[in-house]
């Protein structure tokens, strides 16, 4: 998850810039990760979640390619 920082250029209004920043953070998955890290996650639960996410990514990728 460590990568380049998110940047938002403030042109018109601060509210608009905050909205754009929230959209970018949501797209990157930062908000979901913060929510997930709020509480301790047992290793078994973490493993199951990662497997579930991988399955979801694979299904999505196959769907994009047109294979069912």
N, C-alpha and C. Protein backbone atom coordinates (compact mmCIF):
# COMPACT_ATOMS: atom_id res chain seq x y z
N UNK A 1 0.82 -1.18 0.00
CA UNK A 1 0.00 0.00 0.00
C UNK A 1 0.87 1.25 0.00
N UNK A 2 2.14 1.09 0.29
CA UNK A 2 3.04 2.24 0.28
C UNK A 2 3.39 2.55 -1.15
N UNK A 3 3.19 3.78 -1.52
CA UNK A 3 3.47 4.18 -2.88
C UNK A 3 3.59 5.69 -2.95
N UNK A 4 3.21 6.21 -4.07
CA UNK A 4 3.29 7.66 -4.22
C UNK A 4 2.15 8.32 -3.44
N UNK A 5 2.42 9.51 -2.91
CA UNK A 5 1.37 10.18 -2.14
C UNK A 5 0.27 10.70 -3.06
N UNK A 6 -0.94 10.79 -2.52
CA UNK A 6 -2.05 11.33 -3.28
C UNK A 6 -1.95 12.85 -3.27
N UNK A 7 -2.13 13.45 -4.42
CA UNK A 7 -2.07 14.90 -4.51
C UNK A 7 -3.35 15.42 -5.12
N UNK A 8 -3.84 16.52 -4.55
CA UNK A 8 -5.03 17.18 -5.07
C UNK A 8 -4.71 18.66 -5.14
N UNK A 9 -4.88 19.24 -6.32
CA UNK A 9 -4.62 20.65 -6.50
C UNK A 9 -5.89 21.43 -6.17
N UNK A 10 -5.77 22.41 -5.27
CA UNK A 10 -6.92 23.22 -4.88
C UNK A 10 -7.00 24.41 -5.82
N UNK A 11 -8.07 24.45 -6.60
CA UNK A 11 -8.25 25.55 -7.54
C UNK A 11 -9.38 26.46 -7.10
N UNK A 12 -10.60 25.91 -7.09
CA UNK A 12 -11.76 26.74 -6.80
C UNK A 12 -12.07 26.77 -5.31
N UNK A 13 -12.54 25.66 -4.80
CA UNK A 13 -12.97 25.65 -3.41
C UNK A 13 -12.34 24.48 -2.66
N UNK A 14 -12.22 24.66 -1.38
CA UNK A 14 -11.65 23.63 -0.53
C UNK A 14 -12.58 22.42 -0.47
N UNK A 15 -13.90 22.65 -0.45
CA UNK A 15 -14.87 21.56 -0.39
C UNK A 15 -14.73 20.64 -1.61
N UNK A 16 -14.52 21.24 -2.76
CA UNK A 16 -14.36 20.46 -4.00
C UNK A 16 -13.08 19.62 -3.93
N UNK A 17 -12.02 20.22 -3.41
CA UNK A 17 -10.74 19.51 -3.30
C UNK A 17 -10.86 18.34 -2.32
N UNK A 18 -11.57 18.55 -1.22
CA UNK A 18 -11.76 17.48 -0.23
C UNK A 18 -12.55 16.34 -0.86
N UNK A 19 -13.57 16.67 -1.65
CA UNK A 19 -14.38 15.66 -2.31
C UNK A 19 -13.52 14.83 -3.27
N UNK A 20 -12.66 15.49 -4.03
CA UNK A 20 -11.77 14.80 -4.97
C UNK A 20 -10.79 13.90 -4.21
N UNK A 21 -10.25 14.43 -3.09
CA UNK A 21 -9.32 13.64 -2.28
C UNK A 21 -10.00 12.39 -1.74
N UNK A 22 -11.23 12.51 -1.25
CA UNK A 22 -11.96 11.36 -0.73
C UNK A 22 -12.19 10.33 -1.83
N UNK A 23 -12.51 10.79 -3.04
CA UNK A 23 -12.72 9.87 -4.17
C UNK A 23 -11.44 9.11 -4.48
N UNK A 24 -10.31 9.83 -4.50
CA UNK A 24 -9.03 9.18 -4.79
C UNK A 24 -8.67 8.17 -3.71
N UNK A 25 -8.89 8.55 -2.44
CA UNK A 25 -8.58 7.65 -1.33
C UNK A 25 -9.46 6.41 -1.40
N UNK A 26 -10.71 6.58 -1.76
CA UNK A 26 -11.63 5.45 -1.87
C UNK A 26 -11.19 4.52 -2.99
N UNK A 27 -10.80 5.10 -4.11
CA UNK A 27 -10.36 4.30 -5.26
C UNK A 27 -9.09 3.51 -4.93
N UNK A 28 -8.19 4.11 -4.18
CA UNK A 28 -6.94 3.45 -3.80
C UNK A 28 -7.14 2.41 -2.70
N UNK A 29 -8.27 2.47 -2.01
CA UNK A 29 -8.54 1.52 -0.94
C UNK A 29 -8.00 1.94 0.41
N UNK A 30 -7.61 3.19 0.53
CA UNK A 30 -7.01 3.67 1.77
C UNK A 30 -8.04 3.70 2.89
N UNK A 31 -9.25 4.17 2.60
CA UNK A 31 -10.28 4.25 3.63
C UNK A 31 -10.65 2.87 4.16
N UNK A 32 -10.74 1.89 3.28
CA UNK A 32 -11.06 0.53 3.70
C UNK A 32 -9.96 -0.03 4.60
N UNK A 33 -8.72 0.26 4.24
CA UNK A 33 -7.60 -0.25 5.03
C UNK A 33 -7.58 0.40 6.42
N UNK A 34 -7.86 1.68 6.50
CA UNK A 34 -7.90 2.37 7.79
C UNK A 34 -8.99 1.76 8.67
N UNK A 35 -10.15 1.52 8.09
CA UNK A 35 -11.25 0.91 8.85
C UNK A 35 -10.86 -0.49 9.32
N UNK A 36 -10.18 -1.23 8.46
CA UNK A 36 -9.79 -2.60 8.80
C UNK A 36 -8.74 -2.61 9.90
N UNK A 37 -7.85 -1.64 9.93
CA UNK A 37 -6.77 -1.61 10.91
C UNK A 37 -7.19 -1.02 12.25
N UNK A 38 -8.43 -0.61 12.37
CA UNK A 38 -8.90 -0.05 13.63
C UNK A 38 -8.79 -1.04 14.78
N UNK A 39 -9.05 -2.30 14.50
CA UNK A 39 -9.04 -3.34 15.52
C UNK A 39 -8.10 -4.46 15.09
N UNK A 40 -7.62 -5.20 16.07
CA UNK A 40 -6.73 -6.32 15.79
C UNK A 40 -7.48 -7.39 15.01
N UNK A 41 -6.78 -7.94 14.04
CA UNK A 41 -7.36 -9.00 13.22
C UNK A 41 -6.54 -10.27 13.43
N UNK A 42 -7.21 -11.32 13.88
CA UNK A 42 -6.50 -12.57 14.13
C UNK A 42 -5.89 -13.08 12.83
N UNK A 43 -4.76 -13.78 12.92
CA UNK A 43 -4.11 -14.30 11.71
C UNK A 43 -5.02 -15.19 10.87
N UNK A 44 -5.86 -16.01 11.52
CA UNK A 44 -6.76 -16.89 10.75
C UNK A 44 -7.79 -16.07 9.99
N UNK A 45 -8.29 -15.01 10.61
CA UNK A 45 -9.28 -14.15 9.96
C UNK A 45 -8.62 -13.39 8.82
N UNK A 46 -7.39 -12.94 9.04
CA UNK A 46 -6.65 -12.21 8.01
C UNK A 46 -6.42 -13.10 6.79
N UNK A 47 -6.04 -14.37 7.04
CA UNK A 47 -5.79 -15.32 5.96
C UNK A 47 -7.06 -15.54 5.15
N UNK A 48 -8.19 -15.74 5.85
CA UNK A 48 -9.46 -15.96 5.16
C UNK A 48 -9.87 -14.75 4.34
N UNK A 49 -9.65 -13.55 4.89
CA UNK A 49 -10.00 -12.33 4.18
C UNK A 49 -9.16 -12.18 2.92
N UNK A 50 -7.87 -12.44 3.05
CA UNK A 50 -6.99 -12.33 1.89
C UNK A 50 -7.38 -13.33 0.80
N UNK A 51 -7.74 -14.54 1.19
CA UNK A 51 -8.17 -15.54 0.21
C UNK A 51 -9.46 -15.10 -0.47
N UNK A 52 -10.39 -14.55 0.32
CA UNK A 52 -11.65 -14.07 -0.23
C UNK A 52 -11.41 -12.92 -1.22
N UNK A 53 -10.52 -12.00 -0.86
CA UNK A 53 -10.21 -10.88 -1.76
C UNK A 53 -9.54 -11.36 -3.04
N UNK A 54 -8.65 -12.35 -2.92
CA UNK A 54 -7.98 -12.89 -4.10
C UNK A 54 -8.98 -13.56 -5.04
N UNK A 55 -9.93 -14.32 -4.45
CA UNK A 55 -10.98 -14.95 -5.26
C UNK A 55 -11.79 -13.89 -6.00
N UNK A 56 -12.11 -12.83 -5.30
CA UNK A 56 -12.90 -11.75 -5.88
C UNK A 56 -12.13 -11.10 -7.04
N UNK A 57 -10.82 -10.85 -6.83
CA UNK A 57 -10.01 -10.26 -7.90
C UNK A 57 -9.94 -11.18 -9.11
N UNK A 58 -9.75 -12.50 -8.86
CA UNK A 58 -9.68 -13.45 -9.97
C UNK A 58 -10.98 -13.49 -10.76
N UNK A 59 -12.11 -13.53 -10.04
CA UNK A 59 -13.41 -13.54 -10.72
C UNK A 59 -13.60 -12.29 -11.55
N UNK A 60 -13.23 -11.16 -10.99
CA UNK A 60 -13.38 -9.89 -11.70
C UNK A 60 -12.51 -9.87 -12.96
N UNK A 61 -11.27 -10.38 -12.84
CA UNK A 61 -10.35 -10.43 -13.98
C UNK A 61 -10.89 -11.35 -15.07
N UNK A 62 -11.40 -12.53 -14.68
CA UNK A 62 -11.97 -13.45 -15.66
C UNK A 62 -13.20 -12.84 -16.35
N UNK A 63 -13.97 -12.11 -15.58
CA UNK A 63 -15.18 -11.48 -16.13
C UNK A 63 -14.79 -10.42 -17.17
N UNK A 64 -13.71 -9.69 -16.88
CA UNK A 64 -13.24 -8.67 -17.84
C UNK A 64 -12.76 -9.30 -19.14
N UNK A 65 -12.14 -10.48 -19.02
CA UNK A 65 -11.63 -11.16 -20.20
C UNK A 65 -12.73 -11.87 -20.98
N UNK A 66 -13.89 -12.02 -20.38
CA UNK A 66 -15.01 -12.66 -21.07
C UNK A 66 -15.08 -14.16 -20.87
N UNK A 67 -14.31 -14.69 -19.93
CA UNK A 67 -14.32 -16.12 -19.66
C UNK A 67 -15.18 -16.37 -18.42
N UNK A 68 -16.01 -17.41 -18.50
CA UNK A 68 -16.84 -17.70 -17.32
C UNK A 68 -16.54 -19.04 -16.74
